[in-house]
Amino acid sequence: MRDLLAPLPSSAAEKFSIKGFVSRRTLEDQQGVKQISVTEALSRDDIHVAFICTENTSHEEHIRQFLEAGRHVCVEYPMTLSYTSAVDLWNLAQQKGLVLHEEHIELFTPDFKQLKKDIAGKTLEEGTLHFTGGPLKSDFGFPSFSGIARLTWLVDLFGELTVTAASLVEEKENKYMKMTARFLTRQQK
């Protein structure tokens, strides 16, 4: 909301007008924008686009609702938890003449842009990407989706990757989970 309320000059976002936001929690106004229900967002004639930023497991349902209501949709990555569902939603958007756009906003952050500059012109020999987090809530999707956004970093930085091995270690009593995956670039690095 912050970026839409203060768009970059001459950007397409200057044409946006935020009509409300939906949350599973009851919240106060956010930056002067009022909370509305999903039902209201789906039924109002002055709402043309939905931006979906929530748990991965609920993306598909929300996208479908807004497309069925004739709204364009921009959703954070990943769009769905399955390829089949994503294709179905793309087809639905196309049938209705609507835009369905999936965006990975982390690729636009200053940290990622700097990382991309830092590795420009260099050859990857070997690397490791670490990130940490606690166990996922039961309705947040399967464990590998908590790290898939980071994998898109690697693809953006180094090109197409092939998975050669993967493992998952989970110690529920210690609230510990570690997923390890090995990838090769086209250059077999």
C-alpha atoms as a PDB file:
ATOM      1  CA  MET A   1       0.000   0.000   0.000  1.00  0.00           C
ATOM      2  CA  ARG A   2       2.830   2.340   0.822  1.00  0.00           C
ATOM      3  CA  ASP A   3       4.245   2.108  -2.697  1.00  0.00           C
ATOM      4  CA  LEU A   4       0.854   2.482  -4.354  1.00  0.00           C
ATOM      5  CA  LEU A   5       0.050   5.521  -2.226  1.00  0.00           C
ATOM      6  CA  ALA A   6       3.393   7.173  -3.081  1.00  0.00           C
ATOM      7  CA  PRO A   7       4.179   5.950  -6.615  1.00  0.00           C
ATOM      8  CA  LEU A   8       7.328   6.806  -8.511  1.00  0.00           C
ATOM      9  CA  PRO A   9       6.800   9.796 -10.815  1.00  0.00           C
ATOM     10  CA  SER A  10       5.661   8.810 -14.318  1.00  0.00           C
ATOM     11  CA  SER A  11       4.986   5.216 -13.258  1.00  0.00           C
ATOM     12  CA  ALA A  12       1.786   3.355 -14.065  1.00  0.00           C
ATOM     13  CA  ALA A  13       1.045   3.277 -10.323  1.00  0.00           C
ATOM     14  CA  GLU A  14       0.269   7.006 -10.480  1.00  0.00           C
ATOM     15  CA  LYS A  15      -3.032   6.008 -12.082  1.00  0.00           C
ATOM     16  CA  PHE A  16      -4.030   3.682  -9.222  1.00  0.00           C
ATOM     17  CA  SER A  17      -6.492   4.624  -6.533  1.00  0.00           C
ATOM     18  CA  ILE A  18      -6.689   2.312  -3.531  1.00  0.00           C
ATOM     19  CA  LYS A  19     -10.316   1.596  -2.605  1.00  0.00           C
ATOM     20  CA  GLY A  20      -9.687  -0.595   0.426  1.00  0.00           C
ATOM     21  CA  PHE A  21      -7.785  -3.571   1.774  1.00  0.00           C
ATOM     22  CA  VAL A  22      -8.861  -7.021   2.932  1.00  0.00           C
ATOM     23  CA  SER A  23      -7.261  -8.829   5.862  1.00  0.00           C
ATOM     24  CA  ARG A  24      -8.078 -11.964   7.851  1.00  0.00           C
ATOM     25  CA  ARG A  25      -7.546  -9.824  10.965  1.00  0.00           C
ATOM     26  CA  THR A  26      -9.661  -6.835  11.968  1.00  0.00           C
ATOM     27  CA  LEU A  27      -7.405  -3.811  11.595  1.00  0.00           C
ATOM     28  CA  GLU A  28      -7.546  -0.053  11.908  1.00  0.00           C
ATOM     29  CA  ASP A  29      -7.230   2.084   8.799  1.00  0.00           C
ATOM     30  CA  GLN A  30      -3.824   1.568   7.211  1.00  0.00           C
ATOM     31  CA  GLN A  31      -2.187   4.740   5.867  1.00  0.00           C
ATOM     32  CA  GLY A  32      -5.641   6.251   5.475  1.00  0.00           C
ATOM     33  CA  VAL A  33      -7.080   3.228   3.647  1.00  0.00           C
ATOM     34  CA  LYS A  34     -10.119   1.473   5.113  1.00  0.00           C
ATOM     35  CA  GLN A  35     -10.474  -2.267   5.596  1.00  0.00           C
ATOM     36  CA  ILE A  36     -13.251  -3.880   3.561  1.00  0.00           C
ATOM     37  CA  SER A  37     -14.567  -7.440   3.333  1.00  0.00           C
ATOM     38  CA  VAL A  38     -13.810  -9.815   0.466  1.00  0.00           C
ATOM     39  CA  THR A  39     -17.521  -9.748  -0.373  1.00  0.00           C
ATOM     40  CA  GLU A  40     -17.433  -5.963  -0.686  1.00  0.00           C
ATOM     41  CA  ALA A  41     -14.252  -6.066  -2.786  1.00  0.00           C
ATOM     42  CA  LEU A  42     -15.856  -8.612  -5.120  1.00  0.00           C
ATOM     43  CA  SER A  43     -19.104  -6.681  -5.517  1.00  0.00           C
ATOM     44  CA  ARG A  44     -18.022  -3.040  -5.814  1.00  0.00           C
ATOM     45  CA  ASP A  45     -18.112  -1.568  -9.314  1.00  0.00           C
ATOM     46  CA  ASP A  46     -15.243   0.827  -8.568  1.00  0.00           C
ATOM     47  CA  ILE A  47     -12.764  -1.980  -7.825  1.00  0.00           C
ATOM     48  CA  HIS A  48     -11.079  -3.247 -10.992  1.00  0.00           C
ATOM     49  CA  VAL A  49      -7.881  -4.916  -9.735  1.00  0.00           C
ATOM     50  CA  ALA A  50      -7.031  -7.077  -6.734  1.00  0.00           C
ATOM     51  CA  PHE A  51      -3.485  -7.314  -5.359  1.00  0.00           C
ATOM     52  CA  ILE A  52      -3.136 -10.603  -3.475  1.00  0.00           C
ATOM     53  CA  CYS A  53      -0.430 -10.844  -0.830  1.00  0.00           C
ATOM     54  CA  THR A  54      -1.225 -13.576   1.665  1.00  0.00           C
ATOM     55  CA  GLU A  55      -0.277 -17.141   2.589  1.00  0.00           C
ATOM     56  CA  ASN A  56       0.603 -19.273  -0.424  1.00  0.00           C
ATOM     57  CA  THR A  57      -2.181 -21.754   0.276  1.00  0.00           C
ATOM     58  CA  SER A  58      -4.900 -19.122  -0.120  1.00  0.00           C
ATOM     59  CA  HIS A  59      -3.659 -17.542  -3.363  1.00  0.00           C
ATOM     60  CA  GLU A  60      -5.551 -19.907  -5.666  1.00  0.00           C
ATOM     61  CA  GLU A  61      -8.922 -19.404  -3.972  1.00  0.00           C
ATOM     62  CA  HIS A  62      -8.614 -15.613  -3.925  1.00  0.00           C
ATOM     63  CA  ILE A  63      -7.419 -15.402  -7.530  1.00  0.00           C
ATOM     64  CA  ARG A  64     -10.353 -17.523  -8.688  1.00  0.00           C
ATOM     65  CA  GLN A  65     -12.859 -15.401  -6.740  1.00  0.00           C
ATOM     66  CA  PHE A  66     -11.591 -12.137  -8.213  1.00  0.00           C
ATOM     67  CA  LEU A  67     -11.317 -13.490 -11.760  1.00  0.00           C
ATOM     68  CA  GLU A  68     -14.853 -14.892 -11.554  1.00  0.00           C
ATOM     69  CA  ALA A  69     -16.002 -11.433 -10.393  1.00  0.00           C
ATOM     70  CA  GLY A  70     -14.373  -9.868 -13.466  1.00  0.00           C
ATOM     71  CA  ARG A  71     -11.369  -8.323 -11.712  1.00  0.00           C
ATOM     72  CA  HIS A  72      -7.780  -8.192 -12.914  1.00  0.00           C
ATOM     73  CA  VAL A  73      -5.366  -9.817 -10.455  1.00  0.00           C
ATOM     74  CA  CYS A  74      -1.768  -9.211  -9.420  1.00  0.00           C
ATOM     75  CA  VAL A  75      -0.549 -11.910  -7.045  1.00  0.00           C
ATOM     76  CA  GLU A  76       2.698 -12.336  -5.187  1.00  0.00           C
ATOM     77  CA  TYR A  77       4.849 -15.337  -6.043  1.00  0.00           C
ATOM     78  CA  PRO A  78       3.952 -18.210  -6.072  1.00  0.00           C
ATOM     79  CA  MET A  79       0.565 -18.007  -7.755  1.00  0.00           C
ATOM     80  CA  THR A  80      -0.532 -21.489  -6.667  1.00  0.00           C
ATOM     81  CA  LEU A  81       0.861 -24.619  -5.116  1.00  0.00           C
ATOM     82  CA  SER A  82       0.417 -26.652  -8.290  1.00  0.00           C
ATOM     83  CA  TYR A  83       1.161 -26.239 -11.965  1.00  0.00           C
ATOM     84  CA  THR A  84      -2.275 -27.593 -12.929  1.00  0.00           C
ATOM     85  CA  SER A  85      -4.048 -24.958 -10.818  1.00  0.00           C
ATOM     86  CA  ALA A  86      -1.902 -22.183 -12.249  1.00  0.00           C
ATOM     87  CA  VAL A  87      -2.701 -23.241 -15.823  1.00  0.00           C
ATOM     88  CA  ASP A  88      -6.406 -23.387 -14.951  1.00  0.00           C
ATOM     89  CA  LEU A  89      -6.275 -19.827 -13.556  1.00  0.00           C
ATOM     90  CA  TRP A  90      -4.328 -18.531 -16.579  1.00  0.00           C
ATOM     91  CA  ASN A  91      -6.981 -20.069 -18.835  1.00  0.00           C
ATOM     92  CA  LEU A  92      -9.802 -18.541 -16.774  1.00  0.00           C
ATOM     93  CA  ALA A  93      -8.198 -15.081 -16.982  1.00  0.00           C
ATOM     94  CA  GLN A  94      -7.747 -15.452 -20.731  1.00  0.00           C
ATOM     95  CA  GLN A  95     -11.356 -16.599 -21.226  1.00  0.00           C
ATOM     96  CA  LYS A  96     -12.591 -13.563 -19.316  1.00  0.00           C
ATOM     97  CA  GLY A  97     -10.195 -11.136 -21.020  1.00  0.00           C
ATOM     98  CA  LEU A  98      -8.527 -10.263 -17.718  1.00  0.00           C
ATOM     99  CA  VAL A  99      -4.938  -9.728 -16.663  1.00  0.00           C
ATOM    100  CA  LEU A 100      -3.498 -12.256 -14.230  1.00  0.00           C
ATOM    101  CA  HIS A 101       0.013 -11.192 -13.236  1.00  0.00           C
ATOM    102  CA  GLU A 102       2.341 -13.014 -10.874  1.00  0.00           C
ATOM    103  CA  GLU A 103       5.107 -10.897  -9.361  1.00  0.00           C
ATOM    104  CA  HIS A 104       8.122 -11.783  -7.259  1.00  0.00           C
ATOM    105  CA  ILE A 105       8.662  -8.474  -5.500  1.00  0.00           C
ATOM    106  CA  GLU A 106      11.882  -9.566  -3.788  1.00  0.00           C
ATOM    107  CA  LEU A 107      13.592  -9.318  -7.181  1.00  0.00           C
ATOM    108  CA  PHE A 108      13.019  -5.540  -7.049  1.00  0.00           C
ATOM    109  CA  THR A 109      14.547  -4.942  -3.602  1.00  0.00           C
ATOM    110  CA  PRO A 110      17.736  -2.884  -3.259  1.00  0.00           C
ATOM    111  CA  ASP A 111      19.536  -5.860  -1.664  1.00  0.00           C
ATOM    112  CA  PHE A 112      18.782  -8.128  -4.611  1.00  0.00           C
ATOM    113  CA  LYS A 113      19.664  -5.461  -7.162  1.00  0.00           C
ATOM    114  CA  GLN A 114      23.007  -4.972  -5.403  1.00  0.00           C
ATOM    115  CA  LEU A 115      23.653  -8.719  -5.329  1.00  0.00           C
ATOM    116  CA  LYS A 116      22.968  -8.885  -9.060  1.00  0.00           C
ATOM    117  CA  LYS A 117      25.477  -6.051  -9.672  1.00  0.00           C
ATOM    118  CA  ASP A 118      28.047  -7.763  -7.432  1.00  0.00           C
ATOM    119  CA  ILE A 119      28.020 -10.997  -9.432  1.00  0.00           C
ATOM    120  CA  ALA A 120      27.741  -9.475 -12.913  1.00  0.00           C
ATOM    121  CA  GLY A 121      30.467 -10.863 -15.168  1.00  0.00           C
ATOM    122  CA  LYS A 122      31.530 -13.502 -12.650  1.00  0.00           C
ATOM    123  CA  THR A 123      31.323 -17.261 -13.085  1.00  0.00           C
ATOM    124  CA  LEU A 124      29.660 -19.348 -10.423  1.00  0.00           C
ATOM    125  CA  GLU A 125      31.936 -22.168  -9.341  1.00  0.00           C
ATOM    126  CA  GLU A 126      30.022 -23.322  -6.265  1.00  0.00           C
ATOM    127  CA  GLY A 127      27.703 -21.655  -3.821  1.00  0.00           C
ATOM    128  CA  THR A 128      25.417 -22.157  -0.886  1.00  0.00           C
ATOM    129  CA  LEU A 129      22.287 -20.239  -0.003  1.00  0.00           C
ATOM    130  CA  HIS A 130      21.173 -20.340   3.631  1.00  0.00           C
ATOM    131  CA  PHE A 131      18.044 -18.943   5.171  1.00  0.00           C
ATOM    132  CA  THR A 132      16.361 -19.731   8.418  1.00  0.00           C
ATOM    133  CA  GLY A 133      12.859 -19.943   9.762  1.00  0.00           C
ATOM    134  CA  GLY A 134      10.703 -21.822  12.184  1.00  0.00           C
ATOM    135  CA  PRO A 135       8.295 -24.601  11.364  1.00  0.00           C
ATOM    136  CA  LEU A 136       5.438 -23.713   9.048  1.00  0.00           C
ATOM    137  CA  LYS A 137       1.889 -23.414  10.304  1.00  0.00           C
ATOM    138  CA  SER A 138      -0.217 -26.337   9.119  1.00  0.00           C
ATOM    139  CA  ASP A 139      -2.122 -24.321   6.498  1.00  0.00           C
ATOM    140  CA  PHE A 140       0.868 -22.471   5.003  1.00  0.00           C
ATOM    141  CA  GLY A 141       1.703 -25.034   2.333  1.00  0.00           C
ATOM    142  CA  PHE A 142       4.368 -27.669   2.121  1.00  0.00           C
ATOM    143  CA  PRO A 143       7.927 -26.952   3.355  1.00  0.00           C
ATOM    144  CA  SER A 144       9.639 -26.481   0.010  1.00  0.00           C
ATOM    145  CA  PHE A 145       7.383 -23.510  -0.792  1.00  0.00           C
ATOM    146  CA  SER A 146       8.874 -21.586   2.100  1.00  0.00           C
ATOM    147  CA  GLY A 147      12.133 -21.551   0.150  1.00  0.00           C
ATOM    148  CA  ILE A 148      10.971 -21.520  -3.441  1.00  0.00           C
ATOM    149  CA  ALA A 149      11.073 -17.729  -3.596  1.00  0.00           C
ATOM    150  CA  ARG A 150      14.810 -17.926  -2.891  1.00  0.00           C
ATOM    151  CA  LEU A 151      15.196 -20.390  -5.729  1.00  0.00           C
ATOM    152  CA  THR A 152      13.876 -17.766  -8.111  1.00  0.00           C
ATOM    153  CA  TRP A 153      16.766 -15.578  -6.947  1.00  0.00           C
ATOM    154  CA  LEU A 154      19.165 -18.256  -8.115  1.00  0.00           C
ATOM    155  CA  VAL A 155      17.423 -18.657 -11.467  1.00  0.00           C
ATOM    156  CA  ASP A 156      17.430 -14.892 -12.004  1.00  0.00           C
ATOM    157  CA  LEU A 157      21.108 -14.685 -11.058  1.00  0.00           C
ATOM    158  CA  PHE A 158      22.479 -17.818 -12.757  1.00  0.00           C
ATOM    159  CA  GLY A 159      19.917 -18.998 -15.325  1.00  0.00           C
ATOM    160  CA  GLU A 160      18.159 -22.312 -15.622  1.00  0.00           C
ATOM    161  CA  LEU A 161      18.911 -24.817 -12.869  1.00  0.00           C
ATOM    162  CA  THR A 162      18.510 -28.579 -12.647  1.00  0.00           C
ATOM    163  CA  VAL A 163      17.749 -30.277  -9.331  1.00  0.00           C
ATOM    164  CA  THR A 164      20.179 -33.112  -8.687  1.00  0.00           C
ATOM    165  CA  ALA A 165      19.319 -33.966  -5.064  1.00  0.00           C
ATOM    166  CA  ALA A 166      17.116 -32.839  -2.183  1.00  0.00           C
ATOM    167  CA  SER A 167      16.588 -33.834   1.435  1.00  0.00           C
ATOM    168  CA  LEU A 168      14.485 -32.749   4.382  1.00  0.00           C
ATOM    169  CA  VAL A 169      15.400 -33.067   8.040  1.00  0.00           C
ATOM    170  CA  GLU A 170      12.684 -32.359  10.585  1.00  0.00           C
ATOM    171  CA  GLU A 171      12.881 -32.478  14.368  1.00  0.00           C
ATOM    172  CA  LYS A 172       9.378 -31.570  15.531  1.00  0.00           C
ATOM    173  CA  GLU A 173      10.284 -31.720  19.211  1.00  0.00           C
ATOM    174  CA  ASN A 174      12.985 -29.058  18.639  1.00  0.00           C
ATOM    175  CA  LYS A 175      10.858 -27.051  16.170  1.00  0.00           C
ATOM    176  CA  TYR A 176      13.627 -27.504  13.627  1.00  0.00           C
ATOM    177  CA  MET A 177      13.391 -28.067   9.904  1.00  0.00           C
ATOM    178  CA  LYS A 178      16.144 -27.989   7.282  1.00  0.00           C
ATOM    179  CA  MET A 179      15.706 -28.523   3.581  1.00  0.00           C
ATOM    180  CA  THR A 180      18.778 -28.979   1.420  1.00  0.00           C
ATOM    181  CA  ALA A 181      18.714 -28.998  -2.363  1.00  0.00           C
ATOM    182  CA  ARG A 182      21.538 -29.342  -4.861  1.00  0.00           C
ATOM    183  CA  PHE A 183      21.299 -27.678  -8.253  1.00  0.00           C
ATOM    184  CA  LEU A 184      23.462 -27.506 -11.334  1.00  0.00           C
ATOM    185  CA  THR A 185      23.631 -24.613 -13.792  1.00  0.00           C
ATOM    186  CA  ARG A 186      23.753 -25.195 -17.560  1.00  0.00           C
ATOM    187  CA  GLN A 187      27.540 -24.993 -17.186  1.00  0.00           C
ATOM    188  CA  GLN A 188      27.356 -27.917 -14.713  1.00  0.00           C
ATOM    189  CA  LYS A 189      28.453 -25.729 -11.783  1.00  0.00           C
END
